[in-house]
């Protein structure tokens, strides 16, 4: 099975959209969160520590989530819960970026757990090792290409507006296709079955 073949599968593109949008969120967060906190009034040192907290939270989450994804019947609830963490963190940054910084850092760190979850889903949506490799090839190549837009988009909007009142809501908007694609990808189906049905 080839990456091109997986490109004919709706599941392949669903996974690619999910992977791209969650990676875009993570790249934007790790690239710009310190500047957001600095603009809110924190020193460079404290802003760096807050980003460190976000990263520190994501590490144990990355170890726990793949195991949970394998055990649950449908990971949709996990995906939506992590999307909600992102949402709460972003809204908090928009409304009270200084006073709630600790909480927003923690919530956004939980949200970044979507990355290992997306990787685990790749293995769960294929029946064979060849299918997993091909699905991974499409998902990650398309996903990372689109995800790279995130930090540049944030920077461009920041330059144009002089603040985060536009770029943070844009990240909130991108949570919608991420959540939809994640829920669709969480349904128990396999890329090989879709390709057989297409013939």
N, C-alpha and C. Protein backbone atom coordinates (compact mmCIF):
# COMPACT_ATOMS: atom_id res chain seq x y z
N UNK A 1 0.85 -1.20 0.00
CA UNK A 1 0.00 0.00 0.00
C UNK A 1 0.88 1.24 0.00
N UNK A 2 0.49 2.23 -0.80
CA UNK A 2 1.29 3.44 -0.94
C UNK A 2 0.58 4.64 -0.34
N UNK A 3 1.36 5.70 -0.12
CA UNK A 3 0.79 6.95 0.36
C UNK A 3 -0.23 7.48 -0.64
N UNK A 4 0.07 7.33 -1.93
CA UNK A 4 -0.86 7.79 -2.96
C UNK A 4 -2.19 7.06 -2.86
N UNK A 5 -2.15 5.77 -2.58
CA UNK A 5 -3.38 5.00 -2.43
C UNK A 5 -4.20 5.51 -1.24
N UNK A 6 -3.52 5.78 -0.14
CA UNK A 6 -4.21 6.30 1.04
C UNK A 6 -4.85 7.66 0.75
N UNK A 7 -4.27 8.39 -0.20
CA UNK A 7 -4.84 9.66 -0.61
C UNK A 7 -6.21 9.54 -1.23
N UNK A 8 -6.63 8.33 -1.60
CA UNK A 8 -7.98 8.10 -2.11
C UNK A 8 -8.95 7.73 -1.01
N UNK A 9 -8.47 7.70 0.21
CA UNK A 9 -9.30 7.31 1.35
C UNK A 9 -9.79 8.53 2.12
N UNK A 10 -11.09 8.64 2.38
CA UNK A 10 -11.58 9.74 3.23
C UNK A 10 -10.93 9.74 4.61
N UNK A 11 -10.69 8.54 5.15
CA UNK A 11 -10.05 8.45 6.46
C UNK A 11 -8.64 9.04 6.42
N UNK A 12 -7.93 8.81 5.33
CA UNK A 12 -6.59 9.37 5.21
C UNK A 12 -6.59 10.88 5.32
N UNK A 13 -7.51 11.52 4.64
CA UNK A 13 -7.58 12.98 4.67
C UNK A 13 -8.15 13.50 5.98
N UNK A 14 -9.04 12.73 6.57
CA UNK A 14 -9.55 13.12 7.91
C UNK A 14 -8.41 13.13 8.91
N UNK A 15 -7.58 12.08 8.86
CA UNK A 15 -6.44 12.01 9.76
C UNK A 15 -5.45 13.14 9.47
N UNK A 16 -5.26 13.47 8.19
CA UNK A 16 -4.33 14.53 7.82
C UNK A 16 -4.80 15.88 8.36
N UNK A 17 -6.10 16.15 8.26
CA UNK A 17 -6.65 17.41 8.77
C UNK A 17 -6.51 17.46 10.29
N UNK A 18 -6.82 16.36 10.95
CA UNK A 18 -6.70 16.33 12.41
C UNK A 18 -5.26 16.55 12.85
N UNK A 19 -4.34 15.84 12.19
CA UNK A 19 -2.94 15.98 12.55
C UNK A 19 -2.43 17.39 12.26
N UNK A 20 -2.83 17.95 11.13
CA UNK A 20 -2.38 19.29 10.76
C UNK A 20 -2.87 20.34 11.74
N UNK A 21 -4.14 20.29 12.10
CA UNK A 21 -4.69 21.33 12.97
C UNK A 21 -4.16 21.22 14.39
N UNK A 22 -3.99 19.99 14.89
CA UNK A 22 -3.45 19.90 16.25
C UNK A 22 -1.98 20.29 16.29
N UNK A 23 -1.23 19.96 15.22
CA UNK A 23 0.18 20.37 15.17
C UNK A 23 0.30 21.88 15.04
N UNK A 24 -0.59 22.48 14.25
CA UNK A 24 -0.58 23.93 14.10
C UNK A 24 -0.80 24.62 15.44
N UNK A 25 -1.72 24.10 16.23
CA UNK A 25 -1.97 24.65 17.56
C UNK A 25 -0.71 24.57 18.42
N UNK A 26 -0.10 23.40 18.42
CA UNK A 26 1.09 23.20 19.26
C UNK A 26 2.24 24.10 18.82
N UNK A 27 2.48 24.19 17.52
CA UNK A 27 3.57 25.04 17.03
C UNK A 27 3.33 26.50 17.39
N UNK A 28 2.08 26.95 17.23
CA UNK A 28 1.75 28.33 17.55
C UNK A 28 1.95 28.60 19.04
N UNK A 29 1.54 27.66 19.87
CA UNK A 29 1.68 27.81 21.32
C UNK A 29 3.15 27.88 21.72
N UNK A 30 3.94 26.91 21.29
CA UNK A 30 5.34 26.88 21.71
C UNK A 30 6.15 28.02 21.10
N UNK A 31 5.69 28.51 19.96
CA UNK A 31 6.40 29.61 19.33
C UNK A 31 6.09 30.98 19.91
N UNK A 32 4.83 31.17 20.37
CA UNK A 32 4.40 32.52 20.72
C UNK A 32 3.90 32.71 22.15
N UNK A 33 3.71 31.64 22.89
CA UNK A 33 3.18 31.79 24.25
C UNK A 33 4.05 32.69 25.13
N UNK A 34 5.38 32.58 25.09
CA UNK A 34 6.17 33.50 25.92
C UNK A 34 5.93 34.97 25.57
N UNK A 35 5.81 35.27 24.28
CA UNK A 35 5.56 36.66 23.88
C UNK A 35 4.19 37.13 24.33
N UNK A 36 3.22 36.23 24.30
CA UNK A 36 1.88 36.58 24.79
C UNK A 36 1.95 36.96 26.26
N UNK A 37 2.68 36.18 27.05
CA UNK A 37 2.79 36.50 28.48
C UNK A 37 3.63 37.75 28.71
N UNK A 38 4.64 37.98 27.90
CA UNK A 38 5.43 39.20 28.03
C UNK A 38 4.56 40.43 27.74
N UNK A 39 3.75 40.34 26.70
CA UNK A 39 2.86 41.45 26.37
C UNK A 39 1.79 41.66 27.44
N UNK A 40 1.49 40.60 28.20
CA UNK A 40 0.51 40.72 29.28
C UNK A 40 1.11 41.39 30.51
N UNK A 41 2.46 41.49 30.56
CA UNK A 41 3.08 42.19 31.67
C UNK A 41 4.11 41.39 32.44
N UNK A 42 4.36 40.14 32.03
CA UNK A 42 5.34 39.32 32.74
C UNK A 42 6.75 39.59 32.20
N UNK A 43 7.73 39.35 33.06
CA UNK A 43 9.12 39.47 32.62
C UNK A 43 9.45 38.33 31.67
N UNK A 44 10.56 38.48 30.95
CA UNK A 44 10.98 37.43 30.03
C UNK A 44 11.23 36.12 30.77
N UNK A 45 11.82 36.22 31.97
CA UNK A 45 12.11 35.02 32.74
C UNK A 45 10.83 34.29 33.14
N UNK A 46 9.86 35.05 33.66
CA UNK A 46 8.60 34.43 34.08
C UNK A 46 7.82 33.87 32.90
N UNK A 47 7.85 34.59 31.78
CA UNK A 47 7.16 34.10 30.58
C UNK A 47 7.78 32.78 30.13
N UNK A 48 9.11 32.68 30.22
CA UNK A 48 9.77 31.43 29.87
C UNK A 48 9.40 30.30 30.82
N UNK A 49 9.27 30.63 32.11
CA UNK A 49 8.87 29.62 33.09
C UNK A 49 7.45 29.14 32.84
N UNK A 50 6.58 30.04 32.42
CA UNK A 50 5.19 29.65 32.12
C UNK A 50 5.15 28.71 30.91
N UNK A 51 5.98 29.00 29.91
CA UNK A 51 6.06 28.07 28.78
C UNK A 51 6.63 26.73 29.25
N UNK A 52 7.61 26.79 30.16
CA UNK A 52 8.17 25.56 30.71
C UNK A 52 7.11 24.73 31.43
N UNK A 53 6.19 25.41 32.11
CA UNK A 53 5.09 24.72 32.78
C UNK A 53 4.20 24.02 31.76
N UNK A 54 3.89 24.73 30.68
CA UNK A 54 3.08 24.14 29.61
C UNK A 54 3.75 22.88 29.07
N UNK A 55 5.03 22.97 28.83
CA UNK A 55 5.79 21.83 28.31
C UNK A 55 5.84 20.70 29.33
N UNK A 56 6.05 21.06 30.60
CA UNK A 56 6.14 20.05 31.66
C UNK A 56 4.84 19.27 31.80
N UNK A 57 3.72 19.94 31.64
CA UNK A 57 2.42 19.26 31.72
C UNK A 57 2.25 18.30 30.55
N UNK A 58 2.72 18.71 29.39
CA UNK A 58 2.52 17.89 28.19
C UNK A 58 3.30 16.59 28.23
N UNK A 59 4.39 16.54 28.98
CA UNK A 59 5.24 15.33 28.98
C UNK A 59 4.54 14.13 29.61
N UNK A 60 4.03 14.22 30.86
CA UNK A 60 3.32 13.05 31.41
C UNK A 60 2.04 12.72 30.65
N UNK A 61 1.38 13.76 30.13
CA UNK A 61 0.18 13.52 29.33
C UNK A 61 0.52 12.68 28.11
N UNK A 62 1.68 12.94 27.51
CA UNK A 62 2.10 12.20 26.32
C UNK A 62 2.35 10.73 26.61
N UNK A 63 2.71 10.42 27.85
CA UNK A 63 2.93 9.02 28.21
C UNK A 63 1.61 8.31 28.51
N UNK A 64 0.64 9.04 29.05
CA UNK A 64 -0.61 8.42 29.50
C UNK A 64 -1.61 8.24 28.36
N UNK A 65 -1.75 9.25 27.50
CA UNK A 65 -2.83 9.25 26.51
C UNK A 65 -2.79 8.10 25.51
N UNK A 66 -1.64 7.74 24.94
CA UNK A 66 -1.67 6.63 23.97
C UNK A 66 -2.25 5.35 24.56
N UNK A 67 -1.95 5.06 25.81
CA UNK A 67 -2.51 3.88 26.45
C UNK A 67 -4.01 3.98 26.63
N UNK A 68 -4.48 5.17 26.95
CA UNK A 68 -5.92 5.37 27.09
C UNK A 68 -6.65 5.21 25.76
N UNK A 69 -6.04 5.73 24.70
CA UNK A 69 -6.65 5.65 23.37
C UNK A 69 -6.87 4.19 22.97
N UNK A 70 -5.92 3.34 23.29
CA UNK A 70 -6.02 1.93 22.94
C UNK A 70 -7.13 1.24 23.73
N UNK A 71 -7.33 1.66 24.97
CA UNK A 71 -8.28 0.96 25.84
C UNK A 71 -9.73 1.40 25.68
N UNK A 72 -9.97 2.64 25.28
CA UNK A 72 -11.35 3.11 25.19
C UNK A 72 -11.98 2.68 23.88
N UNK A 73 -13.31 2.52 23.89
CA UNK A 73 -14.02 2.11 22.68
C UNK A 73 -13.92 3.17 21.60
N UNK A 74 -14.09 4.43 22.01
CA UNK A 74 -13.95 5.54 21.06
C UNK A 74 -13.24 6.68 21.76
N UNK A 75 -12.15 7.17 21.18
CA UNK A 75 -11.40 8.26 21.83
C UNK A 75 -12.01 9.64 21.61
N UNK A 76 -13.22 9.70 21.08
CA UNK A 76 -13.83 11.00 20.79
C UNK A 76 -13.94 11.86 22.05
N UNK A 77 -14.30 11.25 23.18
CA UNK A 77 -14.45 12.02 24.41
C UNK A 77 -13.12 12.60 24.86
N UNK A 78 -12.03 11.85 24.68
CA UNK A 78 -10.70 12.35 25.02
C UNK A 78 -10.33 13.54 24.12
N UNK A 79 -10.61 13.40 22.84
CA UNK A 79 -10.30 14.46 21.88
C UNK A 79 -11.06 15.73 22.23
N UNK A 80 -12.34 15.61 22.49
CA UNK A 80 -13.16 16.78 22.80
C UNK A 80 -12.74 17.41 24.13
N UNK A 81 -12.33 16.59 25.09
CA UNK A 81 -11.88 17.13 26.37
C UNK A 81 -10.61 17.96 26.20
N UNK A 82 -9.68 17.46 25.38
CA UNK A 82 -8.43 18.20 25.16
C UNK A 82 -8.68 19.46 24.32
N UNK A 83 -9.62 19.38 23.38
CA UNK A 83 -10.01 20.58 22.64
C UNK A 83 -10.58 21.63 23.59
N UNK A 84 -11.36 21.17 24.56
CA UNK A 84 -11.95 22.09 25.55
C UNK A 84 -10.86 22.73 26.41
N UNK A 85 -9.79 21.99 26.70
CA UNK A 85 -8.66 22.57 27.44
C UNK A 85 -8.02 23.70 26.65
N UNK A 86 -7.79 23.45 25.37
CA UNK A 86 -7.26 24.51 24.50
C UNK A 86 -8.20 25.72 24.52
N UNK A 87 -9.48 25.47 24.33
CA UNK A 87 -10.47 26.55 24.26
C UNK A 87 -10.45 27.39 25.53
N UNK A 88 -10.49 26.73 26.68
CA UNK A 88 -10.49 27.46 27.95
C UNK A 88 -9.20 28.26 28.12
N UNK A 89 -8.08 27.66 27.73
CA UNK A 89 -6.80 28.36 27.84
C UNK A 89 -6.74 29.59 26.95
N UNK A 90 -7.21 29.46 25.72
CA UNK A 90 -7.19 30.59 24.79
C UNK A 90 -8.13 31.71 25.23
N UNK A 91 -9.33 31.32 25.64
CA UNK A 91 -10.29 32.34 26.10
C UNK A 91 -9.72 33.07 27.32
N UNK A 92 -9.08 32.31 28.20
CA UNK A 92 -8.46 32.93 29.36
C UNK A 92 -7.37 33.91 28.96
N UNK A 93 -6.56 33.55 27.98
CA UNK A 93 -5.50 34.45 27.50
C UNK A 93 -6.08 35.72 26.89
N UNK A 94 -7.24 35.60 26.26
CA UNK A 94 -7.88 36.75 25.65
C UNK A 94 -8.46 37.68 26.71
N UNK A 95 -9.08 37.10 27.73
CA UNK A 95 -9.84 37.91 28.71
C UNK A 95 -8.96 38.38 29.87
N UNK A 96 -8.25 37.44 30.51
CA UNK A 96 -7.42 37.80 31.68
C UNK A 96 -6.04 37.15 31.54
N UNK A 97 -5.22 37.62 30.62
CA UNK A 97 -3.94 36.95 30.35
C UNK A 97 -2.96 36.99 31.51
N UNK A 98 -3.02 38.02 32.36
CA UNK A 98 -2.03 38.15 33.43
C UNK A 98 -2.44 37.35 34.67
N UNK A 99 -3.62 37.63 35.20
CA UNK A 99 -4.02 37.02 36.48
C UNK A 99 -4.20 35.51 36.39
N UNK A 100 -4.62 35.02 35.24
CA UNK A 100 -4.87 33.58 35.14
C UNK A 100 -3.78 32.81 34.41
N UNK A 101 -2.61 33.42 34.27
CA UNK A 101 -1.55 32.84 33.43
C UNK A 101 -1.19 31.41 33.81
N UNK A 102 -1.13 31.14 35.11
CA UNK A 102 -0.76 29.80 35.57
C UNK A 102 -1.77 28.76 35.10
N UNK A 103 -3.04 29.09 35.26
CA UNK A 103 -4.11 28.17 34.86
C UNK A 103 -4.11 27.97 33.35
N UNK A 104 -3.95 29.08 32.60
CA UNK A 104 -3.99 28.97 31.14
C UNK A 104 -2.81 28.13 30.63
N UNK A 105 -1.67 28.28 31.27
CA UNK A 105 -0.51 27.46 30.88
C UNK A 105 -0.78 25.98 31.10
N UNK A 106 -1.40 25.66 32.22
CA UNK A 106 -1.72 24.26 32.52
C UNK A 106 -2.73 23.69 31.53
N UNK A 107 -3.78 24.45 31.26
CA UNK A 107 -4.82 23.97 30.34
C UNK A 107 -4.28 23.78 28.93
N UNK A 108 -3.49 24.73 28.47
CA UNK A 108 -2.94 24.62 27.12
C UNK A 108 -1.95 23.44 27.05
N UNK A 109 -1.21 23.22 28.13
CA UNK A 109 -0.33 22.06 28.18
C UNK A 109 -1.10 20.75 28.05
N UNK A 110 -2.26 20.69 28.69
CA UNK A 110 -3.11 19.50 28.53
C UNK A 110 -3.58 19.37 27.09
N UNK A 111 -3.93 20.49 26.48
CA UNK A 111 -4.40 20.47 25.10
C UNK A 111 -3.37 19.91 24.13
N UNK A 112 -2.09 20.17 24.40
CA UNK A 112 -1.05 19.67 23.51
C UNK A 112 -0.95 18.14 23.54
N UNK A 113 -1.65 17.52 24.47
CA UNK A 113 -1.71 16.06 24.50
C UNK A 113 -2.37 15.47 23.26
N UNK A 114 -2.99 16.32 22.44
CA UNK A 114 -3.58 15.83 21.20
C UNK A 114 -2.52 15.29 20.24
N UNK A 115 -1.27 15.74 20.39
CA UNK A 115 -0.22 15.26 19.48
C UNK A 115 0.04 13.76 19.64
N UNK A 116 0.36 13.27 20.84
CA UNK A 116 0.55 11.82 20.96
C UNK A 116 -0.72 11.03 20.69
N UNK A 117 -1.87 11.64 20.98
CA UNK A 117 -3.13 10.97 20.70
C UNK A 117 -3.30 10.77 19.20
N UNK A 118 -2.97 11.81 18.41
CA UNK A 118 -3.08 11.70 16.96
C UNK A 118 -2.14 10.63 16.42
N UNK A 119 -0.93 10.56 16.95
CA UNK A 119 0.01 9.53 16.53
C UNK A 119 -0.52 8.13 16.85
N UNK A 120 -1.12 7.98 18.02
CA UNK A 120 -1.67 6.67 18.40
C UNK A 120 -2.83 6.28 17.48
N UNK A 121 -3.62 7.26 17.07
CA UNK A 121 -4.75 6.97 16.18
C UNK A 121 -4.30 6.43 14.83
N UNK A 122 -3.13 6.86 14.37
CA UNK A 122 -2.64 6.37 13.08
C UNK A 122 -2.54 4.85 13.09
N UNK A 123 -1.99 4.31 14.17
CA UNK A 123 -1.86 2.87 14.28
C UNK A 123 -3.17 2.15 14.45
N UNK A 124 -4.16 2.84 15.02
CA UNK A 124 -5.47 2.22 15.26
C UNK A 124 -6.38 2.24 14.04
N UNK A 125 -6.02 3.00 13.02
CA UNK A 125 -6.90 3.13 11.86
C UNK A 125 -6.38 2.36 10.65
N UNK A 126 -5.47 1.44 10.89
CA UNK A 126 -4.98 0.56 9.83
C UNK A 126 -4.90 -0.87 10.37
N UNK A 127 -5.13 -1.82 9.47
CA UNK A 127 -5.12 -3.23 9.87
C UNK A 127 -3.73 -3.87 9.76
N UNK A 128 -2.89 -3.30 8.92
CA UNK A 128 -1.59 -3.91 8.63
C UNK A 128 -0.46 -2.92 8.86
N UNK A 129 0.74 -3.43 8.93
CA UNK A 129 1.90 -2.55 9.08
C UNK A 129 2.08 -1.67 7.84
N UNK A 130 1.82 -2.24 6.66
CA UNK A 130 1.91 -1.44 5.43
C UNK A 130 0.87 -0.32 5.43
N UNK A 131 -0.31 -0.64 5.88
CA UNK A 131 -1.36 0.36 5.97
C UNK A 131 -1.01 1.46 6.95
N UNK A 132 -0.44 1.07 8.09
CA UNK A 132 -0.03 2.05 9.09
C UNK A 132 1.05 2.98 8.53
N UNK A 133 2.03 2.40 7.82
CA UNK A 133 3.12 3.20 7.26
C UNK A 133 2.59 4.18 6.21
N UNK A 134 1.69 3.71 5.36
CA UNK A 134 1.15 4.58 4.31
C UNK A 134 0.27 5.67 4.90
N UNK A 135 -0.56 5.31 5.88
CA UNK A 135 -1.42 6.30 6.53
C UNK A 135 -0.58 7.32 7.27
N UNK A 136 0.47 6.86 7.92
CA UNK A 136 1.38 7.76 8.62
C UNK A 136 2.06 8.70 7.64
N UNK A 137 2.46 8.17 6.48
CA UNK A 137 3.13 9.00 5.49
C UNK A 137 2.25 10.14 5.01
N UNK A 138 0.99 9.84 4.70
CA UNK A 138 0.07 10.90 4.26
C UNK A 138 -0.24 11.86 5.40
N UNK A 139 -0.59 11.29 6.55
CA UNK A 139 -1.00 12.11 7.68
C UNK A 139 0.08 13.10 8.09
N UNK A 140 1.30 12.60 8.24
CA UNK A 140 2.36 13.47 8.76
C UNK A 140 2.95 14.40 7.70
N UNK A 141 3.04 13.94 6.46
CA UNK A 141 3.60 14.83 5.43
C UNK A 141 2.66 16.00 5.17
N UNK A 142 1.38 15.72 4.97
CA UNK A 142 0.40 16.79 4.77
C UNK A 142 0.24 17.59 6.05
N UNK A 143 0.18 16.87 7.17
CA UNK A 143 -0.05 17.53 8.46
C UNK A 143 1.03 18.53 8.82
N UNK A 144 2.28 18.14 8.74
CA UNK A 144 3.36 19.05 9.10
C UNK A 144 3.48 20.21 8.13
N UNK A 145 3.20 19.95 6.85
CA UNK A 145 3.26 21.02 5.85
C UNK A 145 2.25 22.12 6.19
N UNK A 146 1.02 21.71 6.51
CA UNK A 146 -0.02 22.69 6.84
C UNK A 146 0.21 23.30 8.22
N UNK A 147 0.74 22.49 9.14
CA UNK A 147 0.96 22.97 10.50
C UNK A 147 1.96 24.10 10.56
N UNK A 148 2.91 24.10 9.64
CA UNK A 148 3.94 25.14 9.62
C UNK A 148 3.36 26.53 9.41
N UNK A 149 2.13 26.57 8.90
CA UNK A 149 1.47 27.86 8.68
C UNK A 149 1.19 28.56 10.01
N UNK A 150 0.92 27.78 11.06
CA UNK A 150 0.48 28.32 12.34
C UNK A 150 1.35 29.42 12.91
N UNK A 151 2.62 29.16 13.18
CA UNK A 151 3.47 30.20 13.77
C UNK A 151 3.61 31.43 12.88
N UNK A 152 3.73 31.22 11.56
CA UNK A 152 3.84 32.35 10.65
C UNK A 152 2.57 33.19 10.64
N UNK A 153 1.43 32.51 10.67
CA UNK A 153 0.15 33.21 10.70
C UNK A 153 0.04 34.05 11.97
N UNK A 154 0.40 33.47 13.10
CA UNK A 154 0.36 34.20 14.36
C UNK A 154 1.25 35.43 14.31
N UNK A 155 2.46 35.27 13.80
CA UNK A 155 3.39 36.39 13.72
C UNK A 155 2.90 37.48 12.79
N UNK A 156 2.33 37.08 11.64
CA UNK A 156 1.84 38.06 10.68
C UNK A 156 0.67 38.86 11.26
N UNK A 157 -0.24 38.17 11.93
CA UNK A 157 -1.39 38.86 12.53
C UNK A 157 -0.93 39.77 13.66
N UNK A 158 0.07 39.33 14.40
CA UNK A 158 0.61 40.16 15.48
C UNK A 158 1.24 41.43 14.91
N UNK A 159 1.97 41.30 13.81
CA UNK A 159 2.60 42.46 13.19
C UNK A 159 1.55 43.45 12.68
N UNK A 160 0.49 42.92 12.11
CA UNK A 160 -0.55 43.78 11.53
C UNK A 160 -1.37 44.48 12.60
N UNK A 161 -1.73 43.72 13.66
CA UNK A 161 -2.65 44.26 14.67
C UNK A 161 -1.94 44.84 15.89
N UNK A 162 -0.67 44.45 16.09
CA UNK A 162 0.05 44.94 17.26
C UNK A 162 -0.35 44.27 18.56
N UNK A 163 -1.05 43.16 18.48
CA UNK A 163 -1.47 42.46 19.70
C UNK A 163 -2.01 41.08 19.35
N UNK A 164 -2.72 40.47 20.32
CA UNK A 164 -3.19 39.10 20.18
C UNK A 164 -4.70 38.99 20.07
N UNK A 165 -5.38 40.12 19.91
CA UNK A 165 -6.85 40.11 19.90
C UNK A 165 -7.42 39.47 18.64
N UNK A 166 -6.61 39.30 17.61
CA UNK A 166 -7.07 38.63 16.39
C UNK A 166 -6.50 37.22 16.31
N UNK A 167 -5.20 37.10 16.55
CA UNK A 167 -4.55 35.80 16.35
C UNK A 167 -5.06 34.73 17.32
N UNK A 168 -5.31 35.07 18.56
CA UNK A 168 -5.84 34.07 19.50
C UNK A 168 -7.25 33.61 19.11
N UNK A 169 -8.17 34.53 18.75
CA UNK A 169 -9.46 34.05 18.25
C UNK A 169 -9.34 33.18 16.99
N UNK A 170 -8.34 33.45 16.15
CA UNK A 170 -8.14 32.61 14.96
C UNK A 170 -7.77 31.19 15.39
N UNK A 171 -6.94 31.05 16.42
CA UNK A 171 -6.63 29.72 16.93
C UNK A 171 -7.88 29.03 17.47
N UNK A 172 -8.75 29.82 18.10
CA UNK A 172 -10.02 29.26 18.59
C UNK A 172 -10.84 28.73 17.42
N UNK A 173 -10.90 29.48 16.33
CA UNK A 173 -11.65 29.06 15.15
C UNK A 173 -11.11 27.74 14.62
N UNK A 174 -9.79 27.57 14.60
CA UNK A 174 -9.18 26.35 14.10
C UNK A 174 -9.42 25.14 15.01
N UNK A 175 -9.92 25.39 16.22
CA UNK A 175 -10.30 24.27 17.08
C UNK A 175 -11.49 23.51 16.51
N UNK A 176 -12.33 24.20 15.74
CA UNK A 176 -13.54 23.55 15.21
C UNK A 176 -13.20 22.44 14.22
N UNK A 177 -12.43 22.72 13.13
CA UNK A 177 -12.09 21.60 12.25
C UNK A 177 -11.24 20.54 12.94
N UNK A 178 -10.44 20.94 13.93
CA UNK A 178 -9.66 19.96 14.68
C UNK A 178 -10.58 19.00 15.43
N UNK A 179 -11.57 19.55 16.11
CA UNK A 179 -12.49 18.71 16.87
C UNK A 179 -13.32 17.82 15.95
N UNK A 180 -13.81 18.39 14.85
CA UNK A 180 -14.63 17.60 13.92
C UNK A 180 -13.81 16.47 13.30
N UNK A 181 -12.62 16.79 12.81
CA UNK A 181 -11.77 15.76 12.21
C UNK A 181 -11.37 14.72 13.24
N UNK A 182 -11.09 15.16 14.47
CA UNK A 182 -10.71 14.22 15.52
C UNK A 182 -11.82 13.25 15.86
N UNK A 183 -13.04 13.76 15.95
CA UNK A 183 -14.18 12.88 16.25
C UNK A 183 -14.41 11.90 15.10
N UNK A 184 -14.32 12.38 13.86
CA UNK A 184 -14.49 11.48 12.71
C UNK A 184 -13.39 10.43 12.67
N UNK A 185 -12.17 10.83 12.98
CA UNK A 185 -11.05 9.88 12.96
C UNK A 185 -11.14 8.87 14.10
N UNK A 186 -11.87 9.21 15.14
CA UNK A 186 -11.96 8.31 16.29
C UNK A 186 -12.93 7.15 16.06
N UNK A 187 -13.73 7.24 15.01
CA UNK A 187 -14.68 6.15 14.72
C UNK A 187 -13.92 4.90 14.30
N UNK A 188 -14.37 3.73 14.75
CA UNK A 188 -13.64 2.48 14.45
C UNK A 188 -13.78 2.07 12.99
N UNK A 189 -12.84 2.46 12.17
CA UNK A 189 -12.79 2.08 10.76
C UNK A 189 -11.32 1.99 10.35
N UNK A 190 -11.08 1.41 9.17
CA UNK A 190 -9.71 1.12 8.76
C UNK A 190 -9.48 1.57 7.33
N UNK A 191 -8.30 2.09 7.10
CA UNK A 191 -7.99 2.64 5.77
C UNK A 191 -8.01 1.55 4.70
N UNK A 192 -7.58 0.34 5.03
CA UNK A 192 -7.61 -0.74 4.04
C UNK A 192 -9.03 -1.05 3.59
N UNK A 193 -9.98 -1.04 4.53
CA UNK A 193 -11.38 -1.33 4.19
C UNK A 193 -11.94 -0.28 3.24
N UNK A 194 -11.59 0.98 3.47
CA UNK A 194 -12.08 2.04 2.60
C UNK A 194 -11.54 1.88 1.19
N UNK A 195 -10.29 1.49 1.07
CA UNK A 195 -9.69 1.35 -0.25
C UNK A 195 -10.27 0.15 -1.00
N UNK A 196 -10.57 -0.93 -0.28
CA UNK A 196 -11.20 -2.10 -0.90
C UNK A 196 -12.59 -1.73 -1.38
N UNK A 197 -13.34 -0.98 -0.54
CA UNK A 197 -14.70 -0.60 -0.90
C UNK A 197 -14.73 0.34 -2.10
N UNK A 198 -13.65 1.10 -2.29
CA UNK A 198 -13.59 2.06 -3.38
C UNK A 198 -13.40 1.39 -4.73
N UNK A 199 -12.93 0.12 -4.74
CA UNK A 199 -12.68 -0.58 -6.01
C UNK A 199 -13.93 -1.33 -6.47
